[in-house]
N, C-alpha and C. Protein backbone atom coordinates (compact mmCIF):
# COMPACT_ATOMS: atom_id res chain seq x y z
N MET A 1 144.63 107.97 145.14
CA MET A 1 146.05 107.40 144.18
C MET A 1 145.33 106.14 144.22
N ILE A 2 145.72 105.90 142.56
CA ILE A 2 145.29 104.45 141.90
C ILE A 2 146.60 103.51 142.15
N THR A 3 146.61 102.54 142.81
CA THR A 3 147.68 101.39 142.82
C THR A 3 147.64 100.66 141.14
N PRO A 4 148.87 99.96 141.28
CA PRO A 4 149.10 99.77 140.01
C PRO A 4 148.39 98.31 139.95
N ARG A 5 148.46 97.87 140.83
CA ARG A 5 146.98 96.81 141.02
C ARG A 5 145.31 97.14 140.57
N LEU A 6 144.99 98.45 140.64
CA LEU A 6 143.72 98.45 140.09
C LEU A 6 143.69 99.43 139.01
N ALA A 7 144.82 99.98 138.28
CA ALA A 7 145.04 100.49 137.13
C ALA A 7 144.49 99.79 136.17
N PRO A 8 144.46 98.63 135.84
CA PRO A 8 143.54 98.02 134.81
C PRO A 8 142.00 98.50 134.91
N VAL A 9 141.18 97.98 136.24
CA VAL A 9 139.91 98.09 136.59
C VAL A 9 139.67 99.65 135.87
N VAL A 10 140.27 100.84 136.39
CA VAL A 10 140.26 102.09 136.09
C VAL A 10 140.01 102.03 134.51
N ILE A 11 140.95 101.94 133.99
CA ILE A 11 140.94 102.01 132.58
C ILE A 11 139.56 101.38 131.81
N PHE A 12 139.40 100.02 132.50
CA PHE A 12 138.47 99.27 131.94
C PHE A 12 137.41 100.13 131.87
N ALA A 13 137.07 100.50 133.18
CA ALA A 13 135.93 101.43 133.53
C ALA A 13 135.81 102.73 132.60
N ALA A 14 136.87 103.47 132.58
CA ALA A 14 136.78 104.75 131.77
C ALA A 14 136.35 103.69 130.08
N LEU A 15 136.45 103.04 129.70
CA LEU A 15 136.60 102.66 128.19
C LEU A 15 135.01 102.79 128.29
N GLN A 16 134.25 102.29 129.41
CA GLN A 16 132.75 101.65 129.03
C GLN A 16 131.97 102.89 129.50
N ILE A 17 132.46 104.01 129.67
CA ILE A 17 131.63 105.29 129.99
C ILE A 17 131.24 105.97 128.46
N PRO A 18 130.18 105.85 128.01
CA PRO A 18 129.79 106.54 126.42
C PRO A 18 130.64 107.77 126.92
N THR A 19 130.72 108.29 125.49
CA THR A 19 131.16 109.86 125.36
C THR A 19 129.90 109.95 124.84
N VAL A 20 129.89 111.72 124.54
CA VAL A 20 128.43 112.53 124.24
C VAL A 20 128.97 112.75 122.84
N GLN A 21 128.45 112.75 121.46
CA GLN A 21 129.11 113.52 120.31
C GLN A 21 128.28 114.24 120.17
N ALA A 22 128.48 115.16 119.73
CA ALA A 22 127.96 116.63 118.70
C ALA A 22 127.17 115.79 117.91
N ALA A 23 125.73 116.68 117.93
CA ALA A 23 124.83 116.28 117.03
C ALA A 23 125.63 116.73 115.27
N SER A 24 124.98 116.12 114.40
CA SER A 24 125.84 116.48 112.99
C SER A 24 124.62 117.03 112.22
N PRO A 25 124.92 117.93 112.07
CA PRO A 25 123.27 119.10 110.90
C PRO A 25 123.46 117.99 109.76
N MET A 26 124.41 117.65 109.39
CA MET A 26 124.75 116.84 108.11
C MET A 26 123.99 115.78 107.78
N ARG A 27 124.13 114.77 109.03
CA ARG A 27 123.45 113.90 108.67
C ARG A 27 122.11 113.93 108.85
N GLY A 28 121.61 114.80 109.91
CA GLY A 28 120.30 115.18 110.14
C GLY A 28 119.45 115.52 109.04
N GLN A 29 120.40 116.54 108.36
CA GLN A 29 119.74 116.91 106.58
C GLN A 29 119.09 115.79 106.04
N LEU A 30 120.26 114.69 105.98
CA LEU A 30 119.99 113.56 105.03
C LEU A 30 118.86 112.58 105.45
N LEU A 31 118.56 112.32 106.99
CA LEU A 31 117.59 111.51 107.43
C LEU A 31 116.24 113.11 107.19
N TYR A 32 116.57 114.24 107.67
CA TYR A 32 115.28 115.12 107.35
C TYR A 32 114.72 114.79 105.80
N GLU A 33 115.63 114.77 104.93
CA GLU A 33 115.50 114.98 103.30
C GLU A 33 114.64 113.71 103.18
N ASN A 34 114.84 112.44 103.41
CA ASN A 34 114.76 111.04 103.12
C ASN A 34 113.77 111.03 104.07
N PHE A 35 112.98 111.31 105.35
CA PHE A 35 111.57 110.64 106.00
C PHE A 35 111.19 111.99 106.14
N CYS A 36 111.49 113.43 106.31
CA CYS A 36 110.20 114.08 106.67
C CYS A 36 109.88 115.25 105.56
N HIS A 37 110.62 115.46 104.93
CA HIS A 37 110.56 116.63 103.69
C HIS A 37 109.46 116.30 103.06
N HIS A 38 109.24 115.55 102.30
CA HIS A 38 107.55 114.93 101.97
C HIS A 38 106.54 115.42 102.48
N CYS A 39 106.66 115.56 103.85
CA CYS A 39 105.50 116.31 104.28
C CYS A 39 105.74 117.81 105.22
N HIS A 40 106.79 117.63 105.48
CA HIS A 40 107.58 119.13 105.75
C HIS A 40 108.10 119.95 104.89
N TRP A 41 107.12 120.65 104.23
CA TRP A 41 108.17 121.97 103.13
C TRP A 41 108.56 123.04 104.29
N ALA A 42 109.11 123.93 103.66
CA ALA A 42 110.02 124.68 104.75
C ALA A 42 109.20 126.13 105.32
N ASP A 43 107.90 126.14 104.75
CA ASP A 43 106.76 126.87 105.28
C ASP A 43 106.23 126.38 106.59
N VAL A 44 106.39 124.81 106.92
CA VAL A 44 105.77 124.77 108.14
C VAL A 44 107.01 125.29 109.46
N HIS A 45 108.08 125.67 109.10
CA HIS A 45 108.84 125.71 110.26
C HIS A 45 109.10 127.33 110.36
N TYR A 46 108.19 127.76 109.42
CA TYR A 46 108.22 129.49 109.48
C TYR A 46 106.72 129.67 110.09
N ARG A 47 106.04 128.67 110.72
CA ARG A 47 104.56 129.53 111.29
C ARG A 47 104.35 130.40 112.45
N VAL A 48 103.74 131.49 112.34
CA VAL A 48 103.16 132.43 113.08
C VAL A 48 103.46 131.53 114.78
N ASN A 49 102.61 130.63 115.11
CA ASN A 49 102.59 130.19 116.39
C ASN A 49 102.90 128.88 116.43
N SER A 50 103.89 128.89 115.95
CA SER A 50 105.15 127.58 115.84
C SER A 50 105.76 127.11 117.46
N GLU A 51 104.97 126.21 117.50
CA GLU A 51 105.29 125.19 118.94
C GLU A 51 106.72 125.28 119.48
N VAL A 52 107.54 125.39 118.49
CA VAL A 52 109.15 125.32 118.83
C VAL A 52 109.59 126.63 119.39
N ASP A 53 109.77 126.66 120.73
CA ASP A 53 110.27 127.69 121.14
C ASP A 53 111.47 127.39 121.82
N SER A 54 111.86 126.13 122.03
CA SER A 54 113.23 126.08 122.53
C SER A 54 113.86 124.90 122.12
N TRP A 55 115.24 124.54 122.26
CA TRP A 55 115.78 123.60 121.91
C TRP A 55 115.69 122.04 122.82
N ASP A 56 115.22 122.05 123.79
CA ASP A 56 114.01 120.98 124.18
C ASP A 56 113.13 120.95 123.51
N LYS A 57 112.05 121.71 123.38
CA LYS A 57 110.76 121.53 122.48
C LYS A 57 111.42 120.91 121.23
N LEU A 58 111.96 121.27 120.49
CA LEU A 58 112.57 121.17 118.87
C LEU A 58 112.69 119.43 119.11
N LEU A 59 114.02 119.48 120.38
CA LEU A 59 113.99 117.82 120.12
C LEU A 59 112.82 116.66 120.52
N HIS A 60 111.80 117.29 121.22
CA HIS A 60 110.74 116.84 121.55
C HIS A 60 109.73 116.73 120.24
N MET A 61 109.82 117.39 119.77
CA MET A 61 109.03 117.54 118.38
C MET A 61 109.47 116.69 117.16
N VAL A 62 110.42 116.79 116.97
CA VAL A 62 111.44 116.03 116.16
C VAL A 62 111.01 114.10 116.91
N ALA A 63 111.46 113.98 118.05
CA ALA A 63 111.39 112.35 118.71
C ALA A 63 109.60 112.27 118.33
N MET A 64 109.01 112.77 118.83
CA MET A 64 107.24 112.47 118.82
C MET A 64 106.99 112.02 117.45
N TRP A 65 107.57 113.25 116.17
CA TRP A 65 107.15 112.57 114.80
C TRP A 65 107.43 111.28 114.28
N GLN A 66 109.06 111.62 114.79
CA GLN A 66 109.53 109.91 114.22
C GLN A 66 108.75 109.06 114.82
N GLY A 67 108.42 109.07 116.03
CA GLY A 67 107.85 107.89 116.67
C GLY A 67 106.31 107.57 115.97
N GLU A 68 105.47 108.75 115.78
CA GLU A 68 104.26 109.08 115.09
C GLU A 68 104.73 107.79 113.34
N MET A 69 105.62 108.35 113.04
CA MET A 69 106.13 107.60 111.25
C MET A 69 106.81 106.14 111.85
N ARG A 70 106.91 106.09 112.82
CA ARG A 70 107.73 104.37 113.44
C ARG A 70 108.80 104.28 112.75
N LEU A 71 109.54 105.63 112.83
CA LEU A 71 111.20 105.20 112.32
C LEU A 71 112.03 104.65 113.22
N GLY A 72 111.73 104.51 114.01
CA GLY A 72 112.69 103.86 115.12
C GLY A 72 114.19 104.42 115.23
N TRP A 73 113.87 105.82 114.97
CA TRP A 73 115.71 106.79 115.47
C TRP A 73 115.76 106.46 116.49
N ARG A 74 117.42 106.22 116.64
CA ARG A 74 118.04 106.23 117.99
C ARG A 74 118.14 108.00 118.42
N VAL A 75 118.88 107.69 119.61
CA VAL A 75 118.26 109.57 120.26
C VAL A 75 119.55 110.61 119.54
N GLU A 76 120.57 109.52 118.99
CA GLU A 76 121.38 110.31 117.78
C GLU A 76 121.13 111.10 116.38
N GLU A 77 119.91 110.19 116.47
CA GLU A 77 119.66 110.65 114.77
C GLU A 77 118.57 111.78 115.33
N VAL A 78 117.79 111.71 116.09
CA VAL A 78 116.57 112.67 116.32
C VAL A 78 117.66 113.61 116.79
N ALA A 79 118.66 114.19 117.78
CA ALA A 79 119.41 114.93 118.10
C ALA A 79 120.31 115.59 116.62
N ASP A 80 120.45 114.77 115.92
CA ASP A 80 121.27 115.00 114.07
C ASP A 80 119.80 115.84 113.46
N VAL A 81 118.89 115.31 113.32
CA VAL A 81 117.40 116.02 112.18
C VAL A 81 117.52 117.43 113.36
N ALA A 82 117.10 117.62 114.59
CA ALA A 82 116.92 118.62 115.71
C ALA A 82 118.04 119.46 115.50
N SER A 83 119.09 119.14 115.41
CA SER A 83 120.55 120.15 115.06
C SER A 83 120.12 120.79 113.38
N TYR A 84 119.88 119.74 112.50
CA TYR A 84 119.92 120.07 111.21
C TYR A 84 118.83 121.40 110.84
N LEU A 85 117.43 121.23 111.59
CA LEU A 85 116.21 122.14 111.56
C LEU A 85 116.47 123.39 112.63
N ASN A 86 117.42 123.33 113.27
CA ASN A 86 118.08 124.44 114.03
C ASN A 86 118.85 125.39 113.34
N TRP A 87 119.46 124.54 112.73
CA TRP A 87 120.42 125.23 112.04
C TRP A 87 120.11 126.10 110.85
N VAL A 88 119.24 125.22 110.23
CA VAL A 88 118.42 125.98 108.98
C VAL A 88 117.34 126.66 109.11
N TYR A 89 116.57 127.09 110.16
CA TYR A 89 115.40 127.28 110.54
C TYR A 89 115.46 128.52 111.53
N TYR A 90 115.44 127.74 113.11
CA TYR A 90 115.39 128.20 114.09
C TYR A 90 116.32 129.03 114.83
N ARG A 91 117.26 128.91 114.80
CA ARG A 91 118.24 129.23 115.61
C ARG A 91 118.21 129.30 116.91
N LEU A 92 117.87 128.31 117.57
CA LEU A 92 117.65 128.33 119.11
C LEU A 92 118.93 128.21 119.98
N PRO A 93 118.91 128.57 121.27
CA PRO A 93 120.30 128.25 122.20
C PRO A 93 119.79 127.25 122.42
N GLY A 94 121.35 126.15 122.68
CA GLY A 94 121.23 125.02 123.73
C GLY A 94 121.34 123.84 122.67
N ASP A 95 122.05 123.94 121.42
CA ASP A 95 121.72 123.18 120.63
C ASP A 95 123.02 122.37 120.76
N ILE A 96 123.22 121.33 120.24
CA ILE A 96 124.35 120.23 121.21
C ILE A 96 125.71 120.09 119.78
N GLN A 97 125.82 121.15 119.15
CA GLN A 97 126.25 120.73 118.11
C GLN A 97 128.18 121.10 118.46
């Protein structure tokens, strides 16, 4: 039971917990078209021996390439781009939309 004296502490603590937001494929599309599309045409996503075979691998690949390009994306932006790519090309389970 939360006493009236502890209620402000509990409320403050609850407000400090970050919320998990669903990835935004629409935002991911904008990021992809502005930063990735000039090198990655659609055919790169349809390779027979694609390294992307899971949601985690897709996240890893997007994070790796944004790092190679020194884009400085946050985790949310990586998830947005991965979600867009999954929506358009991969259809892998595990997407956080």
